Amino acid sequence: MYLLLTINLLSFIVFGLDKRKSVKHQRRISENTLLSLTFLGGTIGSLLGMLIFRHKVSKKSFLLKFGFVFLIQIILIYFLEKYNMISI
């Protein structure tokens, strides 16, 4: 549980940091990094970061990738739960 909280906090912070870098015209954090943090369990932190910082919400290509990562997570959780590999 602590690992999940940590990755979500990290995702939130990284989305905020990338937004700040965007505003200041500095070198940005790659979309692959943002999506990797999301895939590794930071979905809630990433989503909150996107909404609170208004970051990447108008970029349709990123939103499609984000949605795809979320869909993969849902499918993985479903199958892991179905075959009793995890308990929710």
PDB file of N, CA and C in Angstrom:
ATOM      1  N   MET A   1       0.822  -1.197   0.000  1.00  0.00           N
ATOM      2  CA  MET A   1       0.000   0.000   0.000  1.00  0.00           C
ATOM      3  C   MET A   1       0.870   1.267   0.000  1.00  0.00           C
ATOM      4  N   TYR A   2       1.969   1.235   0.788  1.00  0.00           N
ATOM      5  CA  TYR A   2       2.864   2.392   0.821  1.00  0.00           C
ATOM      6  C   TYR A   2       3.530   2.621  -0.531  1.00  0.00           C
ATOM      7  N   LEU A   3       3.833   1.535  -1.212  1.00  0.00           N
ATOM      8  CA  LEU A   3       4.442   1.654  -2.539  1.00  0.00           C
ATOM      9  C   LEU A   3       3.489   2.349  -3.505  1.00  0.00           C
ATOM     10  N   LEU A   4       2.222   1.995  -3.443  1.00  0.00           N
ATOM     11  CA  LEU A   4       1.222   2.611  -4.310  1.00  0.00           C
ATOM     12  C   LEU A   4       1.060   4.100  -3.998  1.00  0.00           C
ATOM     13  N   LEU A   5       1.044   4.436  -2.721  1.00  0.00           N
ATOM     14  CA  LEU A   5       0.959   5.853  -2.339  1.00  0.00           C
ATOM     15  C   LEU A   5       2.191   6.625  -2.808  1.00  0.00           C
ATOM     16  N   THR A   6       3.354   6.008  -2.679  1.00  0.00           N
ATOM     17  CA  THR A   6       4.604   6.658  -3.082  1.00  0.00           C
ATOM     18  C   THR A   6       4.644   6.907  -4.579  1.00  0.00           C
ATOM     19  N   ILE A   7       4.279   5.914  -5.390  1.00  0.00           N
ATOM     20  CA  ILE A   7       4.326   6.082  -6.847  1.00  0.00           C
ATOM     21  C   ILE A   7       3.295   7.118  -7.306  1.00  0.00           C
ATOM     22  N   ASN A   8       2.149   7.187  -6.636  1.00  0.00           N
ATOM     23  CA  ASN A   8       1.151   8.196  -6.994  1.00  0.00           C
ATOM     24  C   ASN A   8       1.610   9.596  -6.617  1.00  0.00           C
ATOM     25  N   LEU A   9       2.232   9.733  -5.470  1.00  0.00           N
ATOM     26  CA  LEU A   9       2.779  11.031  -5.078  1.00  0.00           C
ATOM     27  C   LEU A   9       3.884  11.459  -6.039  1.00  0.00           C
ATOM     28  N   LEU A  10       4.748  10.520  -6.384  1.00  0.00           N
ATOM     29  CA  LEU A  10       5.819  10.798  -7.333  1.00  0.00           C
ATOM     30  C   LEU A  10       5.252  11.217  -8.694  1.00  0.00           C
ATOM     31  N   SER A  11       4.245  10.510  -9.166  1.00  0.00           N
ATOM     32  CA  SER A  11       3.615  10.851 -10.449  1.00  0.00           C
ATOM     33  C   SER A  11       3.043  12.256 -10.423  1.00  0.00           C
ATOM     34  N   PHE A  12       2.350  12.584  -9.347  1.00  0.00           N
ATOM     35  CA  PHE A  12       1.767  13.916  -9.198  1.00  0.00           C
ATOM     36  C   PHE A  12       2.849  14.993  -9.246  1.00  0.00           C
ATOM     37  N   ILE A  13       3.921  14.774  -8.504  1.00  0.00           N
ATOM     38  CA  ILE A  13       5.027  15.737  -8.462  1.00  0.00           C
ATOM     39  C   ILE A  13       5.687  15.884  -9.829  1.00  0.00           C
ATOM     40  N   VAL A  14       5.904  14.778 -10.519  1.00  0.00           N
ATOM     41  CA  VAL A  14       6.564  14.821 -11.829  1.00  0.00           C
ATOM     42  C   VAL A  14       5.696  15.549 -12.848  1.00  0.00           C
ATOM     43  N   PHE A  15       4.382  15.338 -12.809  1.00  0.00           N
ATOM     44  CA  PHE A  15       3.499  16.076 -13.716  1.00  0.00           C
ATOM     45  C   PHE A  15       3.565  17.576 -13.417  1.00  0.00           C
ATOM     46  N   GLY A  16       3.597  17.943 -12.137  1.00  0.00           N
ATOM     47  CA  GLY A  16       3.719  19.350 -11.766  1.00  0.00           C
ATOM     48  C   GLY A  16       5.048  19.937 -12.192  1.00  0.00           C
ATOM     49  N   LEU A  17       6.113  19.173 -12.016  1.00  0.00           N
ATOM     50  CA  LEU A  17       7.440  19.625 -12.421  1.00  0.00           C
ATOM     51  C   LEU A  17       7.515  19.821 -13.942  1.00  0.00           C
ATOM     52  N   ASP A  18       6.928  18.895 -14.696  1.00  0.00           N
ATOM     53  CA  ASP A  18       6.943  19.024 -16.150  1.00  0.00           C
ATOM     54  C   ASP A  18       6.142  20.242 -16.601  1.00  0.00           C
ATOM     55  N   LYS A  19       5.026  20.517 -15.926  1.00  0.00           N
ATOM     56  CA  LYS A  19       4.243  21.709 -16.260  1.00  0.00           C
ATOM     57  C   LYS A  19       5.057  22.969 -15.991  1.00  0.00           C
ATOM     58  N   ARG A  20       5.760  22.980 -14.866  1.00  0.00           N
ATOM     59  CA  ARG A  20       6.596  24.138 -14.531  1.00  0.00           C
ATOM     60  C   ARG A  20       7.683  24.337 -15.577  1.00  0.00           C
ATOM     61  N   LYS A  21       8.324  23.235 -15.989  1.00  0.00           N
ATOM     62  CA  LYS A  21       9.361  23.320 -17.022  1.00  0.00           C
ATOM     63  C   LYS A  21       8.772  23.814 -18.337  1.00  0.00           C
ATOM     64  N   SER A  22       7.558  23.406 -18.633  1.00  0.00           N
ATOM     65  CA  SER A  22       6.885  23.847 -19.853  1.00  0.00           C
ATOM     66  C   SER A  22       6.675  25.355 -19.854  1.00  0.00           C
ATOM     67  N   VAL A  23       6.198  25.867 -18.747  1.00  0.00           N
ATOM     68  CA  VAL A  23       5.936  27.307 -18.629  1.00  0.00           C
ATOM     69  C   VAL A  23       7.228  28.105 -18.737  1.00  0.00           C
ATOM     70  N   LYS A  24       8.314  27.572 -18.165  1.00  0.00           N
ATOM     71  CA  LYS A  24       9.600  28.281 -18.166  1.00  0.00           C
ATOM     72  C   LYS A  24      10.442  27.990 -19.414  1.00  0.00           C
ATOM     73  N   HIS A  25       9.882  27.241 -20.354  1.00  0.00           N
ATOM     74  CA  HIS A  25      10.565  26.894 -21.602  1.00  0.00           C
ATOM     75  C   HIS A  25      11.894  26.175 -21.354  1.00  0.00           C
ATOM     76  N   GLN A  26      11.867  25.254 -20.401  1.00  0.00           N
ATOM     77  CA  GLN A  26      13.048  24.452 -20.086  1.00  0.00           C
ATOM     78  C   GLN A  26      12.900  23.061 -20.694  1.00  0.00           C
ATOM     79  N   ARG A  27      13.981  22.304 -20.620  1.00  0.00           N
ATOM     80  CA  ARG A  27      13.961  20.934 -21.116  1.00  0.00           C
ATOM     81  C   ARG A  27      12.920  20.133 -20.334  1.00  0.00           C
ATOM     82  N   ARG A  28      12.054  19.429 -21.061  1.00  0.00           N
ATOM     83  CA  ARG A  28      10.889  18.762 -20.482  1.00  0.00           C
ATOM     84  C   ARG A  28      11.155  17.323 -20.096  1.00  0.00           C
ATOM     85  N   ILE A  29      10.274  16.777 -19.307  1.00  0.00           N
ATOM     86  CA  ILE A  29      10.276  15.362 -18.955  1.00  0.00           C
ATOM     87  C   ILE A  29       9.549  14.638 -20.089  1.00  0.00           C
ATOM     88  N   SER A  30      10.107  13.520 -20.555  1.00  0.00           N
ATOM     89  CA  SER A  30       9.531  12.844 -21.717  1.00  0.00           C
ATOM     90  C   SER A  30       8.161  12.252 -21.403  1.00  0.00           C
ATOM     91  N   GLU A  31       7.345  12.160 -22.444  1.00  0.00           N
ATOM     92  CA  GLU A  31       6.033  11.534 -22.294  1.00  0.00           C
ATOM     93  C   GLU A  31       6.181  10.073 -21.888  1.00  0.00           C
ATOM     94  N   ASN A  32       7.235   9.420 -22.365  1.00  0.00           N
ATOM     95  CA  ASN A  32       7.457   8.025 -21.977  1.00  0.00           C
ATOM     96  C   ASN A  32       7.650   7.898 -20.474  1.00  0.00           C
ATOM     97  N   THR A  33       8.358   8.839 -19.876  1.00  0.00           N
ATOM     98  CA  THR A  33       8.551   8.825 -18.429  1.00  0.00           C
ATOM     99  C   THR A  33       7.222   9.039 -17.714  1.00  0.00           C
ATOM    100  N   LEU A  34       6.451  10.008 -18.171  1.00  0.00           N
ATOM    101  CA  LEU A  34       5.151  10.285 -17.565  1.00  0.00           C
ATOM    102  C   LEU A  34       4.232   9.068 -17.664  1.00  0.00           C
ATOM    103  N   LEU A  35       4.203   8.444 -18.834  1.00  0.00           N
ATOM    104  CA  LEU A  35       3.339   7.271 -19.035  1.00  0.00           C
ATOM    105  C   LEU A  35       3.855   6.052 -18.279  1.00  0.00           C
ATOM    106  N   SER A  36       5.167   5.931 -18.132  1.00  0.00           N
ATOM    107  CA  SER A  36       5.735   4.815 -17.373  1.00  0.00           C
ATOM    108  C   SER A  36       5.349   4.913 -15.900  1.00  0.00           C
ATOM    109  N   LEU A  37       5.431   6.114 -15.345  1.00  0.00           N
ATOM    110  CA  LEU A  37       5.003   6.306 -13.961  1.00  0.00           C
ATOM    111  C   LEU A  37       3.524   5.970 -13.803  1.00  0.00           C
ATOM    112  N   THR A  38       2.743   6.344 -14.784  1.00  0.00           N
ATOM    113  CA  THR A  38       1.318   6.025 -14.765  1.00  0.00           C
ATOM    114  C   THR A  38       1.121   4.519 -14.787  1.00  0.00           C
ATOM    115  N   PHE A  39       1.803   3.837 -15.694  1.00  0.00           N
ATOM    116  CA  PHE A  39       1.655   2.386 -15.838  1.00  0.00           C
ATOM    117  C   PHE A  39       2.086   1.642 -14.579  1.00  0.00           C
ATOM    118  N   LEU A  40       3.112   2.131 -13.921  1.00  0.00           N
ATOM    119  CA  LEU A  40       3.640   1.458 -12.735  1.00  0.00           C
ATOM    120  C   LEU A  40       2.771   1.640 -11.498  1.00  0.00           C
ATOM    121  N   GLY A  41       1.622   2.253 -11.654  1.00  0.00           N
ATOM    122  CA  GLY A  41       0.683   2.372 -10.545  1.00  0.00           C
ATOM    123  C   GLY A  41       0.347   3.789 -10.158  1.00  0.00           C
ATOM    124  N   GLY A  42       0.887   4.761 -10.872  1.00  0.00           N
ATOM    125  CA  GLY A  42       0.655   6.156 -10.530  1.00  0.00           C
ATOM    126  C   GLY A  42      -0.501   6.793 -11.263  1.00  0.00           C
ATOM    127  N   THR A  43      -1.495   6.011 -11.611  1.00  0.00           N
ATOM    128  CA  THR A  43      -2.613   6.520 -12.403  1.00  0.00           C
ATOM    129  C   THR A  43      -3.356   7.644 -11.693  1.00  0.00           C
ATOM    130  N   ILE A  44      -3.658   7.464 -10.432  1.00  0.00           N
ATOM    131  CA  ILE A  44      -4.413   8.486  -9.700  1.00  0.00           C
ATOM    132  C   ILE A  44      -3.585   9.761  -9.551  1.00  0.00           C
ATOM    133  N   GLY A  45      -2.316   9.618  -9.203  1.00  0.00           N
ATOM    134  CA  GLY A  45      -1.440  10.783  -9.091  1.00  0.00           C
ATOM    135  C   GLY A  45      -1.268  11.501 -10.417  1.00  0.00           C
ATOM    136  N   SER A  46      -1.150  10.722 -11.489  1.00  0.00           N
ATOM    137  CA  SER A  46      -1.017  11.318 -12.824  1.00  0.00           C
ATOM    138  C   SER A  46      -2.279  12.061 -13.217  1.00  0.00           C
ATOM    139  N   LEU A  47      -3.423  11.445 -12.976  1.00  0.00           N
ATOM    140  CA  LEU A  47      -4.688  12.075 -13.323  1.00  0.00           C
ATOM    141  C   LEU A  47      -4.901  13.354 -12.523  1.00  0.00           C
ATOM    142  N   LEU A  48      -4.606  13.302 -11.231  1.00  0.00           N
ATOM    143  CA  LEU A  48      -4.723  14.512 -10.410  1.00  0.00           C
ATOM    144  C   LEU A  48      -3.746  15.594 -10.873  1.00  0.00           C
ATOM    145  N   GLY A  49      -2.529  15.185 -11.234  1.00  0.00           N
ATOM    146  CA  GLY A  49      -1.554  16.140 -11.747  1.00  0.00           C
ATOM    147  C   GLY A  49      -2.015  16.786 -13.042  1.00  0.00           C
ATOM    148  N   MET A  50      -2.613  15.982 -13.901  1.00  0.00           N
ATOM    149  CA  MET A  50      -3.120  16.519 -15.164  1.00  0.00           C
ATOM    150  C   MET A  50      -4.232  17.526 -14.913  1.00  0.00           C
ATOM    151  N   LEU A  51      -5.127  17.210 -13.988  1.00  0.00           N
ATOM    152  CA  LEU A  51      -6.272  18.085 -13.735  1.00  0.00           C
ATOM    153  C   LEU A  51      -5.886  19.333 -12.942  1.00  0.00           C
ATOM    154  N   ILE A  52      -5.112  19.164 -11.895  1.00  0.00           N
ATOM    155  CA  ILE A  52      -4.763  20.295 -11.038  1.00  0.00           C
ATOM    156  C   ILE A  52      -3.818  21.268 -11.741  1.00  0.00           C
ATOM    157  N   PHE A  53      -2.820  20.725 -12.438  1.00  0.00           N
ATOM    158  CA  PHE A  53      -1.851  21.590 -13.123  1.00  0.00           C
ATOM    159  C   PHE A  53      -2.281  21.949 -14.539  1.00  0.00           C
ATOM    160  N   ARG A  54      -3.426  21.424 -14.977  1.00  0.00           N
ATOM    161  CA  ARG A  54      -3.910  21.635 -16.355  1.00  0.00           C
ATOM    162  C   ARG A  54      -2.803  21.281 -17.344  1.00  0.00           C
ATOM    163  N   HIS A  55      -2.237  20.091 -17.165  1.00  0.00           N
ATOM    164  CA  HIS A  55      -1.085  19.672 -17.953  1.00  0.00           C
ATOM    165  C   HIS A  55      -1.452  18.475 -18.813  1.00  0.00           C
ATOM    166  N   LYS A  56      -1.200  18.595 -20.087  1.00  0.00           N
ATOM    167  CA  LYS A  56      -1.418  17.538 -21.076  1.00  0.00           C
ATOM    168  C   LYS A  56      -2.894  17.244 -21.325  1.00  0.00           C
ATOM    169  N   VAL A  57      -3.793  18.058 -20.804  1.00  0.00           N
ATOM    170  CA  VAL A  57      -5.216  17.768 -20.956  1.00  0.00           C
ATOM    171  C   VAL A  57      -5.751  18.140 -22.334  1.00  0.00           C
ATOM    172  N   SER A  58      -5.051  18.967 -23.069  1.00  0.00           N
ATOM    173  CA  SER A  58      -5.526  19.331 -24.403  1.00  0.00           C
ATOM    174  C   SER A  58      -4.752  18.620 -25.504  1.00  0.00           C
ATOM    175  N   LYS A  59      -3.788  17.799 -25.130  1.00  0.00           N
ATOM    176  CA  LYS A  59      -2.992  17.069 -26.106  1.00  0.00           C
ATOM    177  C   LYS A  59      -3.618  15.696 -26.334  1.00  0.00           C
ATOM    178  N   LYS A  60      -4.354  15.579 -27.439  1.00  0.00           N
ATOM    179  CA  LYS A  60      -5.139  14.366 -27.697  1.00  0.00           C
ATOM    180  C   LYS A  60      -4.286  13.116 -27.820  1.00  0.00           C
ATOM    181  N   SER A  61      -3.106  13.233 -28.417  1.00  0.00           N
ATOM    182  CA  SER A  61      -2.267  12.047 -28.572  1.00  0.00           C
ATOM    183  C   SER A  61      -1.832  11.513 -27.203  1.00  0.00           C
ATOM    184  N   PHE A  62      -1.530  12.409 -26.265  1.00  0.00           N
ATOM    185  CA  PHE A  62      -1.155  11.970 -24.925  1.00  0.00           C
ATOM    186  C   PHE A  62      -2.349  11.366 -24.201  1.00  0.00           C
ATOM    187  N   LEU A  63      -3.511  11.985 -24.347  1.00  0.00           N
ATOM    188  CA  LEU A  63      -4.706  11.462 -23.689  1.00  0.00           C
ATOM    189  C   LEU A  63      -5.056  10.063 -24.194  1.00  0.00           C
ATOM    190  N   LEU A  64      -4.858   9.808 -25.487  1.00  0.00           N
ATOM    191  CA  LEU A  64      -5.098   8.467 -26.029  1.00  0.00           C
ATOM    192  C   LEU A  64      -4.125   7.461 -25.428  1.00  0.00           C
ATOM    193  N   LYS A  65      -2.866   7.838 -25.334  1.00  0.00           N
ATOM    194  CA  LYS A  65      -1.864   6.947 -24.730  1.00  0.00           C
ATOM    195  C   LYS A  65      -2.181   6.710 -23.259  1.00  0.00           C
ATOM    196  N   PHE A  66      -2.569   7.749 -22.564  1.00  0.00           N
ATOM    197  CA  PHE A  66      -2.932   7.642 -21.152  1.00  0.00           C
ATOM    198  C   PHE A  66      -4.122   6.697 -20.990  1.00  0.00           C
ATOM    199  N   GLY A  67      -5.121   6.862 -21.834  1.00  0.00           N
ATOM    200  CA  GLY A  67      -6.290   5.987 -21.808  1.00  0.00           C
ATOM    201  C   GLY A  67      -5.924   4.537 -22.092  1.00  0.00           C
ATOM    202  N   PHE A  68      -4.999   4.332 -23.012  1.00  0.00           N
ATOM    203  CA  PHE A  68      -4.539   2.981 -23.343  1.00  0.00           C
ATOM    204  C   PHE A  68      -3.827   2.346 -22.147  1.00  0.00           C
ATOM    205  N   VAL A  69      -2.977   3.111 -21.473  1.00  0.00           N
ATOM    206  CA  VAL A  69      -2.285   2.612 -20.277  1.00  0.00           C
ATOM    207  C   VAL A  69      -3.312   2.242 -19.211  1.00  0.00           C
ATOM    208  N   PHE A  70      -4.308   3.084 -19.019  1.00  0.00           N
ATOM    209  CA  PHE A  70      -5.352   2.821 -18.033  1.00  0.00           C
ATOM    210  C   PHE A  70      -6.129   1.554 -18.388  1.00  0.00           C
ATOM    211  N   LEU A  71      -6.447   1.387 -19.654  1.00  0.00           N
ATOM    212  CA  LEU A  71      -7.165   0.190 -20.111  1.00  0.00           C
ATOM    213  C   LEU A  71      -6.339  -1.071 -19.864  1.00  0.00           C
ATOM    214  N   ILE A  72      -5.055  -1.017 -20.146  1.00  0.00           N
ATOM    215  CA  ILE A  72      -4.175  -2.162 -19.883  1.00  0.00           C
ATOM    216  C   ILE A  72      -4.175  -2.496 -18.395  1.00  0.00           C
ATOM    217  N   GLN A  73      -4.137  -1.476 -17.549  1.00  0.00           N
ATOM    218  CA  GLN A  73      -4.164  -1.716 -16.103  1.00  0.00           C
ATOM    219  C   GLN A  73      -5.466  -2.397 -15.677  1.00  0.00           C
ATOM    220  N   ILE A  74      -6.576  -1.945 -16.210  1.00  0.00           N
ATOM    221  CA  ILE A  74      -7.875  -2.536 -15.878  1.00  0.00           C
ATOM    222  C   ILE A  74      -7.903  -4.005 -16.282  1.00  0.00           C
ATOM    223  N   ILE A  75      -7.428  -4.289 -17.494  1.00  0.00           N
ATOM    224  CA  ILE A  75      -7.408  -5.669 -17.986  1.00  0.00           C
ATOM    225  C   ILE A  75      -6.491  -6.533 -17.125  1.00  0.00           C
ATOM    226  N   LEU A  76      -5.304  -6.030 -16.790  1.00  0.00           N
ATOM    227  CA  LEU A  76      -4.380  -6.784 -15.938  1.00  0.00           C
ATOM    228  C   LEU A  76      -4.987  -7.077 -14.570  1.00  0.00           C
ATOM    229  N   ILE A  77      -5.599  -6.086 -13.969  1.00  0.00           N
ATOM    230  CA  ILE A  77      -6.220  -6.279 -12.662  1.00  0.00           C
ATOM    231  C   ILE A  77      -7.346  -7.303 -12.751  1.00  0.00           C
ATOM    232  N   TYR A  78      -8.136  -7.222 -13.805  1.00  0.00           N
ATOM    233  CA  TYR A  78      -9.239  -8.179 -13.994  1.00  0.00           C
ATOM    234  C   TYR A  78      -8.713  -9.614 -14.049  1.00  0.00           C
ATOM    235  N   PHE A  79      -7.705  -9.850 -14.880  1.00  0.00           N
ATOM    236  CA  PHE A  79      -7.196 -11.211 -15.029  1.00  0.00           C
ATOM    237  C   PHE A  79      -6.446 -11.691 -13.790  1.00  0.00           C
ATOM    238  N   LEU A  80      -5.714 -10.802 -13.140  1.00  0.00           N
ATOM    239  CA  LEU A  80      -5.034 -11.193 -11.908  1.00  0.00           C
ATOM    240  C   LEU A  80      -6.036 -11.547 -10.818  1.00  0.00           C
ATOM    241  N   GLU A  81      -7.110 -10.800 -10.738  1.00  0.00           N
ATOM    242  CA  GLU A  81      -8.169 -11.092  -9.769  1.00  0.00           C
ATOM    243  C   GLU A  81      -8.903 -12.388 -10.143  1.00  0.00           C
ATOM    244  N   LYS A  82      -9.179 -12.557 -11.414  1.00  0.00           N
ATOM    245  CA  LYS A  82      -9.924 -13.737 -11.884  1.00  0.00           C
ATOM    246  C   LYS A  82      -9.179 -15.030 -11.568  1.00  0.00           C
ATOM    247  N   TYR A  83      -7.870 -15.012 -11.721  1.00  0.00           N
ATOM    248  CA  TYR A  83      -7.072 -16.212 -11.493  1.00  0.00           C
ATOM    249  C   TYR A  83      -6.449 -16.223 -10.099  1.00  0.00           C
ATOM    250  N   ASN A  84      -7.047 -15.471  -9.176  1.00  0.00           N
ATOM    251  CA  ASN A  84      -6.654 -15.437  -7.768  1.00  0.00           C
ATOM    252  C   ASN A  84      -5.181 -15.144  -7.546  1.00  0.00           C
ATOM    253  N   MET A  85      -4.598 -14.310  -8.403  1.00  0.00           N
ATOM    254  CA  MET A  85      -3.204 -13.919  -8.230  1.00  0.00           C
ATOM    255  C   MET A  85      -3.106 -12.686  -7.331  1.00  0.00           C
ATOM    256  N   ILE A  86      -4.216 -11.940  -7.254  1.00  0.00           N
ATOM    257  CA  ILE A  86      -4.311 -10.812  -6.324  1.00  0.00           C
ATOM    258  C   ILE A  86      -5.691 -10.838  -5.701  1.00  0.00           C
ATOM    259  N   SER A  87      -5.824 -10.126  -4.613  1.00  0.00           N
ATOM    260  CA  SER A  87      -7.132 -10.021  -3.949  1.00  0.00           C
ATOM    261  C   SER A  87      -7.411  -8.545  -3.725  1.00  0.00           C
ATOM    262  N   ILE A  88      -8.546  -8.106  -4.237  1.00  0.00           N
ATOM    263  CA  ILE A  88      -8.907  -6.693  -4.087  1.00  0.00           C
ATOM    264  C   ILE A  88     -10.005  -6.558  -3.055  1.00  0.00           C
TER     265      ILE A  88
END
